[in-house]
Amino acid sequence: MIVEKEVGLGEVFLREVTSIRNLALIVTFTGLVFLSTSIFFIAIPTSSGFFNIGEVFIYLAALIGGPITGAISGGLGASMADLALGYGFFAPGTAVIKLVEGFVVGLIFHYGRKLPSQIKNFSMGVSSGVLVSISAFYVKEDFVFGFSFYSTKTFELTVPGYVFLIIALFLSILILIVITFLKEKGEMALACIIGGVFMVLGYFIYERFILGYPTGAAASEIPFNIAQVVLSASIVIPIVSYLNDLGILRRSQEKEIEEEIEIPAK
């Protein structure tokens, strides 16, 4: 006889951090997030931030290991990279922002099937609305972006604000298509996008209200952070899908199946 036993999320999270497999994943992905963030990055002088590919391994940690794995790997690995690169003033914000990002991505992907479709559609709409709203707010402004590798400045580029609105509208349509027609890949895309929105907004709020940057300086990092989300998701989704097709990975479940053997009476 097969009995389905409901397991609360709290118990699921506890199992995730006490599992030897997941502990190994947390250690491994924390190191990978740290290395990918600190070895390759492009400084953004207008905001004192930098573009990096750490999101790739935060998303992998969350999609493969779960929300706790993604949260710890993202928050710890990325904040350590900030400290190592001399961006210590970003480290507290990074620890919280990347922790939330990794947790949200893992939570939505692994346990989102229990969420009603209305909530998923609402989340998709909010994510697209945030992108378009932020872009529309700055549509009449011009942004000057400077690129540099470490301390060596390479060039500056002026981008009209309406370009970001066009990109946001394109991404919103792309989000709708991917999530509607690609099933599990769409679920991964939805998880990465919603987690990415938390990251984009988190850094804007942290720079504007905690570090006290001017609005333009804080907003200048938004396109780079959006690019990190889109690039990372486009890399991670095919990798996880391929591993799933090979049967190497198995999505976490909300229910535990217990087998009970009944001995027939003689």
C-alpha atoms as a PDB file:
ATOM      1  CA  MET A   1       0.000   0.000   0.000  1.00  0.00           C
ATOM      2  CA  ILE A   2       1.379   3.412  -1.000  1.00  0.00           C
ATOM      3  CA  VAL A   3       0.645   6.272   1.371  1.00  0.00           C
ATOM      4  CA  GLU A   4       1.239   9.917   0.495  1.00  0.00           C
ATOM      5  CA  LYS A   5       2.455  11.887   3.462  1.00  0.00           C
ATOM      6  CA  GLU A   6       2.337  15.671   3.371  1.00  0.00           C
ATOM      7  CA  VAL A   7       5.648  17.235   4.346  1.00  0.00           C
ATOM      8  CA  GLY A   8       5.782  20.914   5.306  1.00  0.00           C
ATOM      9  CA  LEU A   9       8.255  23.248   3.685  1.00  0.00           C
ATOM     10  CA  GLY A  10      10.024  23.751   7.003  1.00  0.00           C
ATOM     11  CA  GLU A  11      10.817  20.044   7.214  1.00  0.00           C
ATOM     12  CA  VAL A  12      11.847  19.992   3.565  1.00  0.00           C
ATOM     13  CA  PHE A  13      14.276  22.886   4.147  1.00  0.00           C
ATOM     14  CA  LEU A  14      15.703  21.124   7.208  1.00  0.00           C
ATOM     15  CA  ARG A  15      16.309  17.980   5.193  1.00  0.00           C
ATOM     16  CA  GLU A  16      17.998  20.048   2.515  1.00  0.00           C
ATOM     17  CA  VAL A  17      20.654  21.434   4.868  1.00  0.00           C
ATOM     18  CA  THR A  18      21.152  18.127   6.696  1.00  0.00           C
ATOM     19  CA  SER A  19      21.523  16.027   3.551  1.00  0.00           C
ATOM     20  CA  ILE A  20      25.130  15.053   2.809  1.00  0.00           C
ATOM     21  CA  ARG A  21      24.459  15.545  -0.896  1.00  0.00           C
ATOM     22  CA  ASN A  22      23.155  19.060  -0.395  1.00  0.00           C
ATOM     23  CA  LEU A  23      25.887  20.006   2.055  1.00  0.00           C
ATOM     24  CA  ALA A  24      28.385  19.012  -0.621  1.00  0.00           C
ATOM     25  CA  LEU A  25      26.446  21.060  -3.188  1.00  0.00           C
ATOM     26  CA  ILE A  26      26.382  24.090  -0.871  1.00  0.00           C
ATOM     27  CA  VAL A  27      30.155  23.974  -0.347  1.00  0.00           C
ATOM     28  CA  THR A  28      30.843  23.388  -4.051  1.00  0.00           C
ATOM     29  CA  PHE A  29      28.517  26.095  -5.366  1.00  0.00           C
ATOM     30  CA  THR A  30      29.613  28.628  -2.734  1.00  0.00           C
ATOM     31  CA  GLY A  31      33.145  28.231  -4.069  1.00  0.00           C
ATOM     32  CA  LEU A  32      31.982  28.421  -7.686  1.00  0.00           C
ATOM     33  CA  VAL A  33      29.940  31.576  -7.036  1.00  0.00           C
ATOM     34  CA  PHE A  34      32.954  33.162  -5.349  1.00  0.00           C
ATOM     35  CA  LEU A  35      35.330  32.240  -8.175  1.00  0.00           C
ATOM     36  CA  SER A  36      32.987  33.158 -11.040  1.00  0.00           C
ATOM     37  CA  THR A  37      32.228  36.527  -9.425  1.00  0.00           C
ATOM     38  CA  SER A  38      35.803  37.451  -8.530  1.00  0.00           C
ATOM     39  CA  ILE A  39      37.795  36.102 -11.484  1.00  0.00           C
ATOM     40  CA  PHE A  40      35.743  37.570 -14.342  1.00  0.00           C
ATOM     41  CA  PHE A  41      34.095  40.939 -13.881  1.00  0.00           C
ATOM     42  CA  ILE A  42      33.691  44.265 -15.669  1.00  0.00           C
ATOM     43  CA  ALA A  43      33.728  47.355 -13.453  1.00  0.00           C
ATOM     44  CA  ILE A  44      30.967  49.965 -13.853  1.00  0.00           C
ATOM     45  CA  PRO A  45      32.487  53.302 -12.774  1.00  0.00           C
ATOM     46  CA  THR A  46      29.174  55.197 -12.730  1.00  0.00           C
ATOM     47  CA  SER A  47      27.881  53.094  -9.829  1.00  0.00           C
ATOM     48  CA  SER A  48      31.101  51.606  -8.421  1.00  0.00           C
ATOM     49  CA  GLY A  49      29.564  48.181  -9.088  1.00  0.00           C
ATOM     50  CA  PHE A  50      30.593  45.511 -11.558  1.00  0.00           C
ATOM     51  CA  PHE A  51      29.166  43.070 -14.100  1.00  0.00           C
ATOM     52  CA  ASN A  52      29.899  39.398 -13.408  1.00  0.00           C
ATOM     53  CA  ILE A  53      28.712  35.869 -14.201  1.00  0.00           C
ATOM     54  CA  GLY A  54      28.136  34.730 -10.622  1.00  0.00           C
ATOM     55  CA  GLU A  55      24.390  34.399 -11.305  1.00  0.00           C
ATOM     56  CA  VAL A  56      25.127  31.345 -13.452  1.00  0.00           C
ATOM     57  CA  PHE A  57      26.197  29.309 -10.436  1.00  0.00           C
ATOM     58  CA  ILE A  58      23.599  30.827  -8.093  1.00  0.00           C
ATOM     59  CA  TYR A  59      20.887  29.657 -10.491  1.00  0.00           C
ATOM     60  CA  LEU A  60      22.533  26.256 -10.923  1.00  0.00           C
ATOM     61  CA  ALA A  61      22.741  25.860  -7.140  1.00  0.00           C
ATOM     62  CA  ALA A  62      19.064  26.786  -6.730  1.00  0.00           C
ATOM     63  CA  LEU A  63      17.747  24.674  -9.620  1.00  0.00           C
ATOM     64  CA  ILE A  64      19.847  21.616  -8.776  1.00  0.00           C
ATOM     65  CA  GLY A  65      20.017  21.747  -4.990  1.00  0.00           C
ATOM     66  CA  GLY A  66      16.969  23.722  -3.901  1.00  0.00           C
ATOM     67  CA  PRO A  67      16.145  27.054  -2.242  1.00  0.00           C
ATOM     68  CA  ILE A  68      18.457  26.698   0.780  1.00  0.00           C
ATOM     69  CA  THR A  69      21.364  25.609  -1.399  1.00  0.00           C
ATOM     70  CA  GLY A  70      20.797  28.558  -3.730  1.00  0.00           C
ATOM     71  CA  ALA A  71      20.398  30.996  -0.831  1.00  0.00           C
ATOM     72  CA  ILE A  72      23.561  30.032   1.060  1.00  0.00           C
ATOM     73  CA  SER A  73      25.713  29.643  -2.054  1.00  0.00           C
ATOM     74  CA  GLY A  74      24.538  32.967  -3.477  1.00  0.00           C
ATOM     75  CA  GLY A  75      24.654  35.060  -0.329  1.00  0.00           C
ATOM     76  CA  LEU A  76      27.925  33.712   1.044  1.00  0.00           C
ATOM     77  CA  GLY A  77      29.846  33.231  -2.205  1.00  0.00           C
ATOM     78  CA  ALA A  78      28.951  36.605  -3.735  1.00  0.00           C
ATOM     79  CA  SER A  79      29.535  38.629  -0.560  1.00  0.00           C
ATOM     80  CA  MET A  80      32.955  36.996  -0.094  1.00  0.00           C
ATOM     81  CA  ALA A  81      33.797  38.003  -3.668  1.00  0.00           C
ATOM     82  CA  ASP A  82      32.844  41.619  -2.888  1.00  0.00           C
ATOM     83  CA  LEU A  83      35.227  41.601   0.072  1.00  0.00           C
ATOM     84  CA  ALA A  84      38.026  40.002  -1.951  1.00  0.00           C
ATOM     85  CA  LEU A  85      37.691  42.533  -4.790  1.00  0.00           C
ATOM     86  CA  GLY A  86      37.665  45.572  -2.512  1.00  0.00           C
ATOM     87  CA  TYR A  87      33.918  46.203  -2.780  1.00  0.00           C
ATOM     88  CA  GLY A  88      33.320  45.714   0.940  1.00  0.00           C
ATOM     89  CA  PHE A  89      30.679  48.461   1.019  1.00  0.00           C
ATOM     90  CA  PHE A  90      28.549  46.225  -1.232  1.00  0.00           C
ATOM     91  CA  ALA A  91      29.083  43.040   0.800  1.00  0.00           C
ATOM     92  CA  PRO A  92      26.210  43.447   3.343  1.00  0.00           C
ATOM     93  CA  GLY A  93      23.701  44.244   0.607  1.00  0.00           C
ATOM     94  CA  THR A  94      25.032  41.480  -1.625  1.00  0.00           C
ATOM     95  CA  ALA A  95      24.737  38.912   1.170  1.00  0.00           C
ATOM     96  CA  VAL A  96      21.022  39.662   1.612  1.00  0.00           C
ATOM     97  CA  ILE A  97      20.144  40.288  -2.044  1.00  0.00           C
ATOM     98  CA  LYS A  98      21.844  37.183  -3.443  1.00  0.00           C
ATOM     99  CA  LEU A  99      20.526  35.059  -0.570  1.00  0.00           C
ATOM    100  CA  VAL A 100      16.958  36.128  -1.406  1.00  0.00           C
ATOM    101  CA  GLU A 101      17.574  35.670  -5.136  1.00  0.00           C
ATOM    102  CA  GLY A 102      18.873  32.109  -4.747  1.00  0.00           C
ATOM    103  CA  PHE A 103      16.087  31.201  -2.321  1.00  0.00           C
ATOM    104  CA  VAL A 104      13.331  32.546  -4.598  1.00  0.00           C
ATOM    105  CA  VAL A 105      14.695  30.758  -7.691  1.00  0.00           C
ATOM    106  CA  GLY A 106      14.937  27.425  -5.858  1.00  0.00           C
ATOM    107  CA  LEU A 107      11.573  27.803  -4.128  1.00  0.00           C
ATOM    108  CA  ILE A 108       9.636  28.625  -7.291  1.00  0.00           C
ATOM    109  CA  PHE A 109      11.241  25.899  -9.396  1.00  0.00           C
ATOM    110  CA  HIS A 110      11.175  23.056  -6.878  1.00  0.00           C
ATOM    111  CA  TYR A 111       7.894  23.781  -5.123  1.00  0.00           C
ATOM    112  CA  GLY A 112       6.064  26.061  -7.542  1.00  0.00           C
ATOM    113  CA  ARG A 113       3.902  23.268  -8.925  1.00  0.00           C
ATOM    114  CA  LYS A 114       1.657  23.581  -5.888  1.00  0.00           C
ATOM    115  CA  LEU A 115       1.093  27.250  -6.624  1.00  0.00           C
ATOM    116  CA  PRO A 116      -2.138  28.092  -8.463  1.00  0.00           C
ATOM    117  CA  SER A 117      -1.693  29.179 -12.083  1.00  0.00           C
ATOM    118  CA  GLN A 118      -3.152  32.567 -11.149  1.00  0.00           C
ATOM    119  CA  ILE A 119      -0.230  33.233  -8.799  1.00  0.00           C
ATOM    120  CA  LYS A 120       2.268  32.178 -11.457  1.00  0.00           C
ATOM    121  CA  ASN A 121       0.628  34.431 -14.033  1.00  0.00           C
ATOM    122  CA  PHE A 122       0.505  37.269 -11.504  1.00  0.00           C
ATOM    123  CA  SER A 123       4.225  36.819 -10.750  1.00  0.00           C
ATOM    124  CA  MET A 124       5.015  36.829 -14.452  1.00  0.00           C
ATOM    125  CA  GLY A 125       2.969  39.997 -14.925  1.00  0.00           C
ATOM    126  CA  VAL A 126       4.600  41.742 -11.985  1.00  0.00           C
ATOM    127  CA  SER A 127       8.083  40.824 -13.231  1.00  0.00           C
ATOM    128  CA  SER A 128       7.339  42.187 -16.698  1.00  0.00           C
ATOM    129  CA  GLY A 129       5.607  45.245 -15.229  1.00  0.00           C
ATOM    130  CA  VAL A 130       8.611  46.077 -13.049  1.00  0.00           C
ATOM    131  CA  LEU A 131      10.969  45.926 -16.034  1.00  0.00           C
ATOM    132  CA  VAL A 132       8.735  48.128 -18.192  1.00  0.00           C
ATOM    133  CA  SER A 133       7.900  50.597 -15.391  1.00  0.00           C
ATOM    134  CA  ILE A 134      11.516  51.208 -14.423  1.00  0.00           C
ATOM    135  CA  SER A 135      12.504  51.643 -18.070  1.00  0.00           C
ATOM    136  CA  ALA A 136       9.585  53.994 -18.767  1.00  0.00           C
ATOM    137  CA  PHE A 137      10.486  56.145 -15.756  1.00  0.00           C
ATOM    138  CA  TYR A 138      13.869  56.959 -17.305  1.00  0.00           C
ATOM    139  CA  VAL A 139      12.796  57.017 -20.945  1.00  0.00           C
ATOM    140  CA  LYS A 140      13.726  60.705 -21.440  1.00  0.00           C
ATOM    141  CA  GLU A 141      17.157  60.458 -19.825  1.00  0.00           C
ATOM    142  CA  ASP A 142      20.490  59.617 -21.375  1.00  0.00           C
ATOM    143  CA  PHE A 143      22.877  57.327 -19.539  1.00  0.00           C
ATOM    144  CA  VAL A 144      26.647  57.376 -19.831  1.00  0.00           C
ATOM    145  CA  PHE A 145      28.215  53.984 -19.169  1.00  0.00           C
ATOM    146  CA  GLY A 146      31.888  53.476 -18.588  1.00  0.00           C
ATOM    147  CA  PHE A 147      33.573  50.097 -18.948  1.00  0.00           C
ATOM    148  CA  SER A 148      36.848  49.165 -17.368  1.00  0.00           C
ATOM    149  CA  PHE A 149      38.802  46.035 -16.608  1.00  0.00           C
ATOM    150  CA  TYR A 150      40.046  46.297 -13.034  1.00  0.00           C
ATOM    151  CA  SER A 151      41.367  49.882 -12.865  1.00  0.00           C
ATOM    152  CA  THR A 152      42.022  50.397 -16.586  1.00  0.00           C
ATOM    153  CA  LYS A 153      39.279  52.385 -18.314  1.00  0.00           C
ATOM    154  CA  THR A 154      38.445  51.220 -21.819  1.00  0.00           C
ATOM    155  CA  PHE A 155      35.639  53.427 -23.184  1.00  0.00           C
ATOM    156  CA  GLU A 156      32.401  55.256 -22.421  1.00  0.00           C
ATOM    157  CA  LEU A 157      29.050  54.861 -24.134  1.00  0.00           C
ATOM    158  CA  THR A 158      25.961  57.110 -24.094  1.00  0.00           C
ATOM    159  CA  VAL A 159      22.653  55.231 -24.347  1.00  0.00           C
ATOM    160  CA  PRO A 160      19.245  56.975 -24.687  1.00  0.00           C
ATOM    161  CA  GLY A 161      16.681  55.980 -22.077  1.00  0.00           C
ATOM    162  CA  TYR A 162      14.153  54.778 -24.648  1.00  0.00           C
ATOM    163  CA  VAL A 163      16.514  51.963 -25.654  1.00  0.00           C
ATOM    164  CA  PHE A 164      15.967  50.356 -22.256  1.00  0.00           C
ATOM    165  CA  LEU A 165      12.190  50.629 -22.656  1.00  0.00           C
ATOM    166  CA  ILE A 166      12.400  48.819 -26.011  1.00  0.00           C
ATOM    167  CA  ILE A 167      14.572  46.100 -24.448  1.00  0.00           C
ATOM    168  CA  ALA A 168      12.148  45.752 -21.504  1.00  0.00           C
ATOM    169  CA  LEU A 169       9.153  45.349 -23.824  1.00  0.00           C
ATOM    170  CA  PHE A 170      11.039  42.751 -25.881  1.00  0.00           C
ATOM    171  CA  LEU A 171      12.008  40.827 -22.729  1.00  0.00           C
ATOM    172  CA  SER A 172       8.411  40.914 -21.472  1.00  0.00           C
ATOM    173  CA  ILE A 173       7.153  39.343 -24.702  1.00  0.00           C
ATOM    174  CA  LEU A 174       9.985  36.802 -24.611  1.00  0.00           C
ATOM    175  CA  ILE A 175       9.131  35.904 -20.995  1.00  0.00           C
ATOM    176  CA  LEU A 176       5.499  35.293 -21.966  1.00  0.00           C
ATOM    177  CA  ILE A 177       6.451  33.040 -24.906  1.00  0.00           C
ATOM    178  CA  VAL A 178       9.026  31.016 -22.971  1.00  0.00           C
ATOM    179  CA  ILE A 179       6.854  30.434 -19.909  1.00  0.00           C
ATOM    180  CA  THR A 180       3.742  29.595 -21.944  1.00  0.00           C
ATOM    181  CA  PHE A 181       5.216  27.147 -24.449  1.00  0.00           C
ATOM    182  CA  LEU A 182       8.343  25.601 -22.943  1.00  0.00           C
ATOM    183  CA  LYS A 183       6.817  23.827 -19.907  1.00  0.00           C
ATOM    184  CA  GLU A 184       9.658  22.839 -17.525  1.00  0.00           C
ATOM    185  CA  LYS A 185      12.097  25.168 -19.295  1.00  0.00           C
ATOM    186  CA  GLY A 186       9.466  27.847 -18.869  1.00  0.00           C
ATOM    187  CA  GLU A 187       9.243  27.082 -15.156  1.00  0.00           C
ATOM    188  CA  MET A 188      13.006  27.453 -14.873  1.00  0.00           C
ATOM    189  CA  ALA A 189      12.837  30.715 -16.807  1.00  0.00           C
ATOM    190  CA  LEU A 190      10.048  31.999 -14.541  1.00  0.00           C
ATOM    191  CA  ALA A 191      12.064  31.101 -11.431  1.00  0.00           C
ATOM    192  CA  CYS A 192      15.213  32.815 -12.722  1.00  0.00           C
ATOM    193  CA  ILE A 193      13.334  35.915 -13.862  1.00  0.00           C
ATOM    194  CA  ILE A 194      11.452  36.425 -10.596  1.00  0.00           C
ATOM    195  CA  GLY A 195      14.634  35.847  -8.605  1.00  0.00           C
ATOM    196  CA  GLY A 196      16.408  38.241 -10.958  1.00  0.00           C
ATOM    197  CA  VAL A 197      13.809  40.944 -10.364  1.00  0.00           C
ATOM    198  CA  PHE A 198      14.541  40.732  -6.628  1.00  0.00           C
ATOM    199  CA  MET A 199      18.247  41.149  -7.429  1.00  0.00           C
ATOM    200  CA  VAL A 200      17.772  44.113  -9.779  1.00  0.00           C
ATOM    201  CA  LEU A 201      15.447  45.959  -7.418  1.00  0.00           C
ATOM    202  CA  GLY A 202      17.533  45.007  -4.389  1.00  0.00           C
ATOM    203  CA  TYR A 203      20.693  46.600  -5.720  1.00  0.00           C
ATOM    204  CA  PHE A 204      18.856  49.713  -6.881  1.00  0.00           C
ATOM    205  CA  ILE A 205      17.302  50.192  -3.424  1.00  0.00           C
ATOM    206  CA  TYR A 206      20.581  49.425  -1.650  1.00  0.00           C
ATOM    207  CA  GLU A 207      22.597  51.877  -3.762  1.00  0.00           C
ATOM    208  CA  ARG A 208      19.967  54.618  -3.702  1.00  0.00           C
ATOM    209  CA  PHE A 209      18.852  54.503  -0.068  1.00  0.00           C
ATOM    210  CA  ILE A 210      21.629  52.749   1.866  1.00  0.00           C
ATOM    211  CA  LEU A 211      24.745  53.931   0.042  1.00  0.00           C
ATOM    212  CA  GLY A 212      23.112  57.256  -0.865  1.00  0.00           C
ATOM    213  CA  TYR A 213      23.917  57.215  -4.585  1.00  0.00           C
ATOM    214  CA  PRO A 214      22.088  59.677  -6.878  1.00  0.00           C
ATOM    215  CA  THR A 215      19.134  58.106  -8.645  1.00  0.00           C
ATOM    216  CA  GLY A 216      20.885  58.204 -12.024  1.00  0.00           C
ATOM    217  CA  ALA A 217      23.978  56.451 -10.689  1.00  0.00           C
ATOM    218  CA  ALA A 218      21.926  53.739  -8.982  1.00  0.00           C
ATOM    219  CA  ALA A 219      19.781  53.288 -12.108  1.00  0.00           C
ATOM    220  CA  SER A 220      22.819  53.031 -14.378  1.00  0.00           C
ATOM    221  CA  GLU A 221      23.518  49.555 -13.028  1.00  0.00           C
ATOM    222  CA  ILE A 222      20.022  48.239 -13.794  1.00  0.00           C
ATOM    223  CA  PRO A 223      20.708  47.305 -17.463  1.00  0.00           C
ATOM    224  CA  PHE A 224      23.859  45.417 -16.462  1.00  0.00           C
ATOM    225  CA  ASN A 225      22.018  43.520 -13.733  1.00  0.00           C
ATOM    226  CA  ILE A 226      19.215  42.644 -16.154  1.00  0.00           C
ATOM    227  CA  ALA A 227      21.862  41.454 -18.617  1.00  0.00           C
ATOM    228  CA  GLN A 228      23.334  39.233 -15.875  1.00  0.00           C
ATOM    229  CA  VAL A 229      19.919  37.643 -15.304  1.00  0.00           C
ATOM    230  CA  VAL A 230      19.154  37.059 -18.996  1.00  0.00           C
ATOM    231  CA  LEU A 231      22.645  35.779 -19.861  1.00  0.00           C
ATOM    232  CA  SER A 232      22.805  33.495 -16.814  1.00  0.00           C
ATOM    233  CA  ALA A 233      19.326  32.049 -17.380  1.00  0.00           C
ATOM    234  CA  SER A 234      20.110  31.385 -21.056  1.00  0.00           C
ATOM    235  CA  ILE A 235      23.205  29.414 -20.002  1.00  0.00           C
ATOM    236  CA  VAL A 236      21.710  27.568 -17.029  1.00  0.00           C
ATOM    237  CA  ILE A 237      18.369  26.411 -18.461  1.00  0.00           C
ATOM    238  CA  PRO A 238      19.850  24.237 -21.275  1.00  0.00           C
ATOM    239  CA  ILE A 239      22.368  22.727 -18.821  1.00  0.00           C
ATOM    240  CA  VAL A 240      19.751  21.749 -16.229  1.00  0.00           C
ATOM    241  CA  SER A 241      17.342  20.526 -18.927  1.00  0.00           C
ATOM    242  CA  TYR A 242      20.050  18.300 -20.393  1.00  0.00           C
ATOM    243  CA  LEU A 243      20.922  16.862 -16.973  1.00  0.00           C
ATOM    244  CA  ASN A 244      17.224  16.219 -16.323  1.00  0.00           C
ATOM    245  CA  ASP A 245      16.877  14.447 -19.683  1.00  0.00           C
ATOM    246  CA  LEU A 246      19.810  12.209 -18.750  1.00  0.00           C
ATOM    247  CA  GLY A 247      18.087  11.347 -15.480  1.00  0.00           C
ATOM    248  CA  ILE A 248      20.961  12.743 -13.397  1.00  0.00           C
ATOM    249  CA  LEU A 249      18.807  15.284 -11.603  1.00  0.00           C
ATOM    250  CA  ARG A 250      15.476  14.884  -9.878  1.00  0.00           C
ATOM    251  CA  ARG A 251      13.231  17.743  -8.859  1.00  0.00           C
ATOM    252  CA  SER A 252      12.504  18.064  -5.140  1.00  0.00           C
ATOM    253  CA  GLN A 253       9.048  16.980  -4.097  1.00  0.00           C
ATOM    254  CA  GLU A 254       6.634  18.336  -1.506  1.00  0.00           C
ATOM    255  CA  LYS A 255       5.380  14.866  -0.673  1.00  0.00           C
ATOM    256  CA  GLU A 256       7.181  11.878   0.746  1.00  0.00           C
ATOM    257  CA  ILE A 257       6.076   8.452  -0.485  1.00  0.00           C
ATOM    258  CA  GLU A 258       6.217   5.725   2.107  1.00  0.00           C
ATOM    259  CA  GLU A 259       5.682   2.083   1.306  1.00  0.00           C
ATOM    260  CA  GLU A 260       3.812   0.013   3.835  1.00  0.00           C
ATOM    261  CA  ILE A 261       3.829  -3.764   3.406  1.00  0.00           C
ATOM    262  CA  GLU A 262       0.657  -5.502   4.418  1.00  0.00           C
ATOM    263  CA  ILE A 263       1.006  -9.160   5.377  1.00  0.00           C
ATOM    264  CA  PRO A 264      -2.108 -11.050   4.362  1.00  0.00           C
ATOM    265  CA  ALA A 265      -3.820 -13.040   7.098  1.00  0.00           C
ATOM    266  CA  LYS A 266      -3.470 -16.817   6.909  1.00  0.00           C
END
